[in-house]
C-alpha atoms as a PDB file:
ATOM      1  CA  MET A   1      -1.628  13.628 -19.850  1.00  0.00           C
ATOM      2  CA  PHE A   2      -0.106  11.621 -17.181  1.00  0.00           C
ATOM      3  CA  ASP A   3       2.382   9.443 -19.524  1.00  0.00           C
ATOM      4  CA  LEU A   4       5.364   8.032 -18.066  1.00  0.00           C
ATOM      5  CA  GLN A   5       6.153   5.932 -21.305  1.00  0.00           C
ATOM      6  CA  SER A   6      10.126   5.698 -21.316  1.00  0.00           C
ATOM      7  CA  THR A   7      10.450   7.999 -18.253  1.00  0.00           C
ATOM      8  CA  SER A   8      13.844   6.677 -16.675  1.00  0.00           C
ATOM      9  CA  VAL A   9      13.339   5.955 -13.013  1.00  0.00           C
ATOM     10  CA  VAL A  10      15.211   5.237  -9.927  1.00  0.00           C
ATOM     11  CA  VAL A  11      13.604   3.615  -6.959  1.00  0.00           C
ATOM     12  CA  THR A  12      15.714   2.851  -3.521  1.00  0.00           C
ATOM     13  CA  GLY A  13      14.789   0.325  -1.535  1.00  0.00           C
ATOM     14  CA  GLY A  14      12.620  -0.769  -4.560  1.00  0.00           C
ATOM     15  CA  SER A  15      12.537  -4.801  -3.470  1.00  0.00           C
ATOM     16  CA  LYS A  16       9.556  -5.082  -1.235  1.00  0.00           C
ATOM     17  CA  GLY A  17       7.414  -2.771   0.459  1.00  0.00           C
ATOM     18  CA  ILE A  18       6.153   0.715  -0.073  1.00  0.00           C
ATOM     19  CA  GLY A  19       9.092   0.735  -2.398  1.00  0.00           C
ATOM     20  CA  ARG A  20       8.219  -2.310  -4.638  1.00  0.00           C
ATOM     21  CA  GLY A  21       4.655  -0.459  -4.914  1.00  0.00           C
ATOM     22  CA  ILE A  22       6.325   2.463  -6.311  1.00  0.00           C
ATOM     23  CA  ALA A  23       8.248   0.537  -8.825  1.00  0.00           C
ATOM     24  CA  SER A  24       5.090  -1.558  -9.795  1.00  0.00           C
ATOM     25  CA  VAL A  25       2.988   1.832 -10.787  1.00  0.00           C
ATOM     26  CA  PHE A  26       5.915   3.222 -12.606  1.00  0.00           C
ATOM     27  CA  ALA A  27       6.801  -0.043 -14.559  1.00  0.00           C
ATOM     28  CA  THR A  28       2.587  -0.690 -15.467  1.00  0.00           C
ATOM     29  CA  ALA A  29       2.923   3.004 -16.685  1.00  0.00           C
ATOM     30  CA  GLY A  30       5.676   2.065 -19.324  1.00  0.00           C
ATOM     31  CA  ALA A  31       8.789   3.702 -17.378  1.00  0.00           C
ATOM     32  CA  ASN A  32      11.894   2.124 -17.187  1.00  0.00           C
ATOM     33  CA  VAL A  33      12.882   0.862 -13.360  1.00  0.00           C
ATOM     34  CA  ALA A  34      15.797   0.253 -11.462  1.00  0.00           C
ATOM     35  CA  ILE A  35      15.420  -0.707  -8.207  1.00  0.00           C
ATOM     36  CA  ALA A  36      17.976  -0.607  -5.402  1.00  0.00           C
ATOM     37  CA  ALA A  37      18.566  -2.536  -2.460  1.00  0.00           C
ATOM     38  CA  ARG A  38      20.494  -4.279  -0.179  1.00  0.00           C
ATOM     39  CA  SER A  39      19.394  -8.136  -1.039  1.00  0.00           C
ATOM     40  CA  ALA A  40      20.603  -9.603  -4.121  1.00  0.00           C
ATOM     41  CA  ALA A  41      17.771 -12.422  -3.971  1.00  0.00           C
ATOM     42  CA  GLU A  42      14.834  -9.864  -3.031  1.00  0.00           C
ATOM     43  CA  LEU A  43      16.140  -7.979  -6.318  1.00  0.00           C
ATOM     44  CA  ASP A  44      15.879 -10.849  -8.185  1.00  0.00           C
ATOM     45  CA  SER A  45      12.339 -11.842  -7.278  1.00  0.00           C
ATOM     46  CA  ALA A  46      11.204  -8.122  -7.460  1.00  0.00           C
ATOM     47  CA  VAL A  47      12.343  -7.395 -10.882  1.00  0.00           C
ATOM     48  CA  ALA A  48      11.154 -10.837 -12.550  1.00  0.00           C
ATOM     49  CA  ASP A  49       7.919  -9.630 -11.406  1.00  0.00           C
ATOM     50  CA  LEU A  50       7.982  -6.236 -12.570  1.00  0.00           C
ATOM     51  CA  ASP A  51       9.601  -7.169 -15.617  1.00  0.00           C
ATOM     52  CA  ALA A  52       6.099  -8.864 -16.597  1.00  0.00           C
ATOM     53  CA  LEU A  53       4.017  -5.488 -15.498  1.00  0.00           C
ATOM     54  CA  GLY A  54       4.599  -2.668 -18.522  1.00  0.00           C
ATOM     55  CA  SER A  55       6.571  -2.122 -21.484  1.00  0.00           C
ATOM     56  CA  GLY A  56       9.701  -0.521 -20.154  1.00  0.00           C
ATOM     57  CA  LYS A  57      12.860  -2.228 -18.809  1.00  0.00           C
ATOM     58  CA  VAL A  58      13.565  -3.231 -15.335  1.00  0.00           C
ATOM     59  CA  LEU A  59      16.944  -3.404 -13.291  1.00  0.00           C
ATOM     60  CA  GLY A  60      17.883  -4.738 -10.039  1.00  0.00           C
ATOM     61  CA  ILE A  61      21.421  -2.803  -8.412  1.00  0.00           C
ATOM     62  CA  ARG A  62      22.474  -3.863  -5.353  1.00  0.00           C
ATOM     63  CA  THR A  63      22.552  -0.743  -3.050  1.00  0.00           C
ATOM     64  CA  ASP A  64      23.622   0.172   0.612  1.00  0.00           C
ATOM     65  CA  VAL A  65      22.242   4.216   0.572  1.00  0.00           C
ATOM     66  CA  ALA A  66      24.323   5.007   3.220  1.00  0.00           C
ATOM     67  CA  ASP A  67      27.334   4.218   1.269  1.00  0.00           C
ATOM     68  CA  PRO A  68      27.725   7.554  -0.925  1.00  0.00           C
ATOM     69  CA  VAL A  69      29.493   4.939  -3.415  1.00  0.00           C
ATOM     70  CA  SER A  70      27.093   2.896  -3.617  1.00  0.00           C
ATOM     71  CA  CYS A  71      24.840   5.206  -4.387  1.00  0.00           C
ATOM     72  CA  ALA A  72      26.937   6.508  -7.361  1.00  0.00           C
ATOM     73  CA  ASN A  73      27.450   3.174  -8.866  1.00  0.00           C
ATOM     74  CA  LEU A  74      23.874   2.770  -8.494  1.00  0.00           C
ATOM     75  CA  ALA A  75      23.384   5.885 -10.629  1.00  0.00           C
ATOM     76  CA  ALA A  76      25.670   4.932 -12.883  1.00  0.00           C
ATOM     77  CA  ALA A  77      24.436   1.559 -13.723  1.00  0.00           C
ATOM     78  CA  ALA A  78      20.601   3.368 -13.950  1.00  0.00           C
ATOM     79  CA  VAL A  79      22.372   5.911 -16.700  1.00  0.00           C
ATOM     80  CA  ASP A  80      24.098   3.180 -18.585  1.00  0.00           C
ATOM     81  CA  ALA A  81      21.049   1.337 -18.648  1.00  0.00           C
ATOM     82  CA  PHE A  82      18.554   3.761 -19.615  1.00  0.00           C
ATOM     83  CA  GLY A  83      20.521   6.771 -21.322  1.00  0.00           C
ATOM     84  CA  GLY A  84      19.277   9.122 -18.630  1.00  0.00           C
ATOM     85  CA  ILE A  85      17.766   9.429 -15.082  1.00  0.00           C
ATOM     86  CA  ASP A  86      14.335  11.300 -14.973  1.00  0.00           C
ATOM     87  CA  VAL A  87      12.885  10.410 -11.572  1.00  0.00           C
ATOM     88  CA  VAL A  88      14.370   9.330  -8.211  1.00  0.00           C
ATOM     89  CA  CYS A  89      11.981   8.068  -5.696  1.00  0.00           C
ATOM     90  CA  ALA A  90      14.106   8.049  -2.797  1.00  0.00           C
ATOM     91  CA  ASN A  91      12.196   5.596  -0.716  1.00  0.00           C
ATOM     92  CA  ALA A  92      14.790   3.172   1.506  1.00  0.00           C
ATOM     93  CA  GLY A  93      14.665   3.284   4.766  1.00  0.00           C
ATOM     94  CA  ILE A  94      14.336   1.672   8.113  1.00  0.00           C
ATOM     95  CA  PHE A  95      12.374   1.375  11.371  1.00  0.00           C
ATOM     96  CA  PRO A  96      13.409  -0.176  13.902  1.00  0.00           C
ATOM     97  CA  ASP A  97      12.160  -0.064  18.067  1.00  0.00           C
ATOM     98  CA  ALA A  98      14.150   1.771  20.042  1.00  0.00           C
ATOM     99  CA  PRO A  99      12.961   3.144  23.208  1.00  0.00           C
ATOM    100  CA  LEU A 100      14.408   6.539  24.338  1.00  0.00           C
ATOM    101  CA  ALA A 101      15.744   5.505  27.447  1.00  0.00           C
ATOM    102  CA  THR A 102      17.840   2.703  26.241  1.00  0.00           C
ATOM    103  CA  MET A 103      18.626   3.804  22.677  1.00  0.00           C
ATOM    104  CA  THR A 104      22.157   3.157  21.876  1.00  0.00           C
ATOM    105  CA  PRO A 105      24.584   5.608  19.662  1.00  0.00           C
ATOM    106  CA  ALA A 106      24.619   2.811  17.256  1.00  0.00           C
ATOM    107  CA  GLN A 107      20.645   2.600  16.920  1.00  0.00           C
ATOM    108  CA  LEU A 108      20.226   6.106  16.526  1.00  0.00           C
ATOM    109  CA  ALA A 109      23.384   6.332  13.916  1.00  0.00           C
ATOM    110  CA  GLU A 110      22.000   3.395  11.923  1.00  0.00           C
ATOM    111  CA  VAL A 111      18.659   4.839  11.285  1.00  0.00           C
ATOM    112  CA  VAL A 112      20.082   8.424  10.574  1.00  0.00           C
ATOM    113  CA  ASP A 113      22.445   6.754   8.025  1.00  0.00           C
ATOM    114  CA  VAL A 114      19.715   5.328   5.656  1.00  0.00           C
ATOM    115  CA  ASN A 115      16.756   7.042   6.585  1.00  0.00           C
ATOM    116  CA  VAL A 116      18.681  10.979   6.226  1.00  0.00           C
ATOM    117  CA  LYS A 117      21.881  10.293   4.695  1.00  0.00           C
ATOM    118  CA  GLY A 118      20.908   7.752   2.122  1.00  0.00           C
ATOM    119  CA  ASN A 119      18.085   9.979   0.925  1.00  0.00           C
ATOM    120  CA  ILE A 120      20.761  12.934   0.275  1.00  0.00           C
ATOM    121  CA  PHE A 121      23.380  10.739  -0.991  1.00  0.00           C
ATOM    122  CA  THR A 122      20.704   9.088  -3.263  1.00  0.00           C
ATOM    123  CA  VAL A 123      19.990  12.310  -4.646  1.00  0.00           C
ATOM    124  CA  GLN A 124      23.141  13.879  -5.009  1.00  0.00           C
ATOM    125  CA  ALA A 125      24.422  10.781  -7.070  1.00  0.00           C
ATOM    126  CA  CYS A 126      21.710  10.991  -9.391  1.00  0.00           C
ATOM    127  CA  LEU A 127      21.824  15.125  -9.708  1.00  0.00           C
ATOM    128  CA  ASP A 128      23.914  15.359 -12.874  1.00  0.00           C
ATOM    129  CA  ALA A 129      21.141  12.945 -14.576  1.00  0.00           C
ATOM    130  CA  LEU A 130      18.137  14.969 -13.411  1.00  0.00           C
ATOM    131  CA  ILE A 131      19.970  18.329 -14.273  1.00  0.00           C
ATOM    132  CA  ALA A 132      20.371  16.479 -18.040  1.00  0.00           C
ATOM    133  CA  SER A 133      16.699  15.309 -18.096  1.00  0.00           C
ATOM    134  CA  GLY A 134      15.798  18.973 -17.666  1.00  0.00           C
ATOM    135  CA  ARG A 135      12.767  17.810 -15.864  1.00  0.00           C
ATOM    136  CA  GLY A 136      13.774  15.646 -13.312  1.00  0.00           C
ATOM    137  CA  ARG A 137      11.529  14.844 -10.635  1.00  0.00           C
ATOM    138  CA  VAL A 138      12.758  13.820  -6.611  1.00  0.00           C
ATOM    139  CA  ILE A 139      10.153  11.945  -4.707  1.00  0.00           C
ATOM    140  CA  LEU A 140      11.190  10.903  -1.141  1.00  0.00           C
ATOM    141  CA  THR A 141       8.995   8.519   1.489  1.00  0.00           C
ATOM    142  CA  SER A 142       8.843  10.444   4.805  1.00  0.00           C
ATOM    143  CA  SER A 143       6.037   9.294   6.965  1.00  0.00           C
ATOM    144  CA  ILE A 144       3.281  10.916   9.084  1.00  0.00           C
ATOM    145  CA  THR A 145       5.523   9.629  11.703  1.00  0.00           C
ATOM    146  CA  GLY A 146       7.659  12.634  12.825  1.00  0.00           C
ATOM    147  CA  PRO A 147       6.492  15.192  10.787  1.00  0.00           C
ATOM    148  CA  ILE A 148       3.111  15.118  12.112  1.00  0.00           C
ATOM    149  CA  THR A 149       2.647  12.172  14.568  1.00  0.00           C
ATOM    150  CA  GLY A 150       4.586  10.292  17.231  1.00  0.00           C
ATOM    151  CA  PHE A 151       5.220   6.695  18.167  1.00  0.00           C
ATOM    152  CA  PRO A 152       6.581   5.190  21.235  1.00  0.00           C
ATOM    153  CA  GLY A 153      10.046   2.912  20.348  1.00  0.00           C
ATOM    154  CA  TRP A 154      10.338   5.293  17.179  1.00  0.00           C
ATOM    155  CA  SER A 155      11.645   8.687  18.407  1.00  0.00           C
ATOM    156  CA  HIS A 156      14.999   8.001  16.190  1.00  0.00           C
ATOM    157  CA  TYR A 157      12.689   7.071  13.412  1.00  0.00           C
ATOM    158  CA  GLY A 158      10.477  10.200  13.394  1.00  0.00           C
ATOM    159  CA  ALA A 159      13.146  12.408  13.995  1.00  0.00           C
ATOM    160  CA  SER A 160      14.789  11.120  10.827  1.00  0.00           C
ATOM    161  CA  LYS A 161      11.874  11.690   8.673  1.00  0.00           C
ATOM    162  CA  ALA A 162      10.813  14.930   9.832  1.00  0.00           C
ATOM    163  CA  ALA A 163      14.810  15.529   8.772  1.00  0.00           C
ATOM    164  CA  GLN A 164      14.180  14.309   5.477  1.00  0.00           C
ATOM    165  CA  LEU A 165      11.244  17.205   4.872  1.00  0.00           C
ATOM    166  CA  GLY A 166      13.804  19.950   6.190  1.00  0.00           C
ATOM    167  CA  PHE A 167      16.287  18.868   3.698  1.00  0.00           C
ATOM    168  CA  MET A 168      13.630  18.391   0.900  1.00  0.00           C
ATOM    169  CA  ARG A 169      12.689  22.557   1.408  1.00  0.00           C
ATOM    170  CA  THR A 170      16.203  23.512   0.614  1.00  0.00           C
ATOM    171  CA  ALA A 171      16.799  20.841  -2.115  1.00  0.00           C
ATOM    172  CA  ALA A 172      13.399  22.339  -3.994  1.00  0.00           C
ATOM    173  CA  ILE A 173      14.604  25.639  -3.815  1.00  0.00           C
ATOM    174  CA  GLU A 174      18.124  25.070  -4.814  1.00  0.00           C
ATOM    175  CA  LEU A 175      17.338  22.388  -8.111  1.00  0.00           C
ATOM    176  CA  ALA A 176      14.124  24.560  -8.891  1.00  0.00           C
ATOM    177  CA  PRO A 177      16.302  26.404 -11.504  1.00  0.00           C
ATOM    178  CA  HIS A 178      17.547  23.180 -13.301  1.00  0.00           C
ATOM    179  CA  GLY A 179      13.722  22.341 -13.941  1.00  0.00           C
ATOM    180  CA  ILE A 180      13.729  19.781 -11.176  1.00  0.00           C
ATOM    181  CA  THR A 181      10.846  19.138  -8.179  1.00  0.00           C
ATOM    182  CA  VAL A 182      11.452  17.894  -4.963  1.00  0.00           C
ATOM    183  CA  ASN A 183       8.369  16.713  -2.892  1.00  0.00           C
ATOM    184  CA  ALA A 184       7.689  14.071  -0.369  1.00  0.00           C
ATOM    185  CA  VAL A 185       5.285  11.616   0.631  1.00  0.00           C
ATOM    186  CA  LEU A 186       4.144  10.827   3.865  1.00  0.00           C
ATOM    187  CA  PRO A 187       2.417   7.389   4.126  1.00  0.00           C
ATOM    188  CA  GLY A 188       0.372   6.346   7.189  1.00  0.00           C
ATOM    189  CA  ASN A 189      -0.121   2.446   7.676  1.00  0.00           C
ATOM    190  CA  ILE A 190       0.422   1.217   4.493  1.00  0.00           C
ATOM    191  CA  PHE A 191      -0.232  -2.772   4.812  1.00  0.00           C
ATOM    192  CA  THR A 192       3.664  -3.979   4.122  1.00  0.00           C
ATOM    193  CA  GLU A 193       5.732  -6.829   5.332  1.00  0.00           C
ATOM    194  CA  GLY A 194       7.131  -4.442   8.111  1.00  0.00           C
ATOM    195  CA  LEU A 195       3.413  -4.767   9.925  1.00  0.00           C
ATOM    196  CA  TYR A 196       3.085  -8.498  10.278  1.00  0.00           C
ATOM    197  CA  ASP A 197       5.574  -8.425  12.729  1.00  0.00           C
ATOM    198  CA  LYS A 198       3.453  -5.933  15.000  1.00  0.00           C
ATOM    199  CA  GLY A 199       0.616  -8.743  15.380  1.00  0.00           C
ATOM    200  CA  GLU A 200      -2.745  -8.674  14.840  1.00  0.00           C
ATOM    201  CA  ASP A 201      -4.122  -6.404  17.713  1.00  0.00           C
ATOM    202  CA  TYR A 202      -1.679  -4.017  16.692  1.00  0.00           C
ATOM    203  CA  ILE A 203      -3.118  -4.343  12.733  1.00  0.00           C
ATOM    204  CA  ALA A 204      -6.697  -3.900  14.032  1.00  0.00           C
ATOM    205  CA  GLY A 205      -6.489  -1.215  16.595  1.00  0.00           C
ATOM    206  CA  MET A 206      -4.486   1.111  13.711  1.00  0.00           C
ATOM    207  CA  THR A 207      -7.291  -0.225  11.166  1.00  0.00           C
ATOM    208  CA  LYS A 208      -9.995   1.383  13.419  1.00  0.00           C
ATOM    209  CA  ALA A 209      -7.904   4.465  13.624  1.00  0.00           C
ATOM    210  CA  ILE A 210      -8.169   5.097  10.193  1.00  0.00           C
ATOM    211  CA  PRO A 211     -11.850   7.051   9.023  1.00  0.00           C
ATOM    212  CA  ALA A 212     -11.185   5.270   5.362  1.00  0.00           C
ATOM    213  CA  GLY A 213     -11.553   1.839   7.284  1.00  0.00           C
ATOM    214  CA  THR A 214      -8.609   0.416   5.919  1.00  0.00           C
ATOM    215  CA  LEU A 215      -4.798   0.216   5.829  1.00  0.00           C
ATOM    216  CA  GLY A 216      -3.014   1.806   2.730  1.00  0.00           C
ATOM    217  CA  LYS A 217      -1.627  -0.437   0.311  1.00  0.00           C
ATOM    218  CA  PRO A 218       1.980   0.360  -0.979  1.00  0.00           C
ATOM    219  CA  GLU A 219       0.365   0.987  -4.819  1.00  0.00           C
ATOM    220  CA  ASP A 220      -1.554   3.864  -2.837  1.00  0.00           C
ATOM    221  CA  ILE A 221       1.669   5.446  -2.320  1.00  0.00           C
ATOM    222  CA  GLY A 222       3.121   4.738  -5.914  1.00  0.00           C
ATOM    223  CA  HIS A 223       0.087   6.461  -7.338  1.00  0.00           C
ATOM    224  CA  LEU A 224       0.861   9.825  -5.413  1.00  0.00           C
ATOM    225  CA  ALA A 225       4.670   9.210  -6.483  1.00  0.00           C
ATOM    226  CA  ALA A 226       3.744   8.535 -10.067  1.00  0.00           C
ATOM    227  CA  PHE A 227       1.404  11.835 -10.487  1.00  0.00           C
ATOM    228  CA  LEU A 228       4.270  13.926  -8.683  1.00  0.00           C
ATOM    229  CA  ALA A 229       6.528  12.435 -11.471  1.00  0.00           C
ATOM    230  CA  THR A 230       4.836  13.901 -14.077  1.00  0.00           C
ATOM    231  CA  VAL A 231       5.175  16.790 -16.694  1.00  0.00           C
ATOM    232  CA  GLU A 232       1.740  17.995 -15.518  1.00  0.00           C
ATOM    233  CA  ALA A 233       3.241  17.599 -12.169  1.00  0.00           C
ATOM    234  CA  GLY A 234       5.925  20.356 -12.613  1.00  0.00           C
ATOM    235  CA  TYR A 235       4.519  23.415 -10.590  1.00  0.00           C
ATOM    236  CA  ILE A 236       4.294  21.379  -7.654  1.00  0.00           C
ATOM    237  CA  THR A 237       7.608  21.425  -5.308  1.00  0.00           C
ATOM    238  CA  GLY A 238       8.851  21.393  -1.744  1.00  0.00           C
ATOM    239  CA  GLN A 239       5.093  20.226  -0.569  1.00  0.00           C
ATOM    240  CA  ALA A 240       4.974  17.103   1.861  1.00  0.00           C
ATOM    241  CA  ILE A 241       1.462  15.000   1.179  1.00  0.00           C
ATOM    242  CA  ALA A 242       0.089  12.695   3.734  1.00  0.00           C
ATOM    243  CA  VAL A 243      -1.464   9.624   2.524  1.00  0.00           C
ATOM    244  CA  ASP A 244      -3.131   8.350   5.021  1.00  0.00           C
ATOM    245  CA  GLY A 245      -6.588   7.398   4.763  1.00  0.00           C
ATOM    246  CA  GLY A 246      -7.631  10.128   6.929  1.00  0.00           C
ATOM    247  CA  GLN A 247      -5.614   9.185   9.997  1.00  0.00           C
ATOM    248  CA  VAL A 248      -4.191  12.243  11.189  1.00  0.00           C
ATOM    249  CA  LEU A 249      -7.474  13.732  11.101  1.00  0.00           C
ATOM    250  CA  PRO A 250      -9.346  12.487  14.528  1.00  0.00           C
ATOM    251  CA  GLU A 251      -9.047  14.417  17.557  1.00  0.00           C
ATOM    252  CA  SER A 252      -9.521  11.745  19.366  1.00  0.00           C
ATOM    253  CA  PRO A 253     -10.548   8.021  18.636  1.00  0.00           C
ATOM    254  CA  ASP A 254     -14.100   9.297  20.170  1.00  0.00           C
ATOM    255  CA  ALA A 255     -14.466  11.251  16.776  1.00  0.00           C
ATOM    256  CA  LEU A 256     -14.779   8.197  14.897  1.00  0.00           C
ATOM    257  CA  ASN A 257     -17.481   6.925  17.106  1.00  0.00           C
ATOM    258  CA  THR A 258     -20.175   9.753  16.415  1.00  0.00           C
END
């Protein structure tokens, strides 16, 4: 059960953070993994580490997911290297702060271009290969922020993450006849490079608000993505699954003090 040996996987935003955690889980399971990111240096470092984890091939491809041509090149490179694509983890995303009162059109456009259009362009570019696979899997990295919760300064980010779920539901219907499932993972607070900038007080506050008592690891997202990529998960589609240690459960902070 749950065999991912020789499965061919594309992970966007795969050089660091949650994307790297996802890629590491697939690589450890013996999958062929193509990671996409904009930084060549970060890709080289990630590929070197991932290559040592499993028996599959690891490939790094410079990609700007906001550019459909770049996404098409990513898909072509993965197909050329692996012979096809079975799984697409559309993970690339950005989360800059921008208060609603001062948010510029350019700031809004940047988030929508990467987080929404980037997901759609990635899936479109890989679609022929996913259909040819006969058991294609699409896993989107959304967030609890937007679909379930909100956070000051992230109205554009929250909107983009909620939009991903709208895309997911219709894509799941359209692609079901091809044996392709489309699901989303909704991470809570995951301990990645992005959290360092928030400071120790923010990290401590977030940890205190989580019933599990700890921040998540990037690999926690990877484990769910890997399950959703299996043959056994083929009857699950159009679903948004939170991985947050119970973060969204308390009605108020007092609920954790009983």
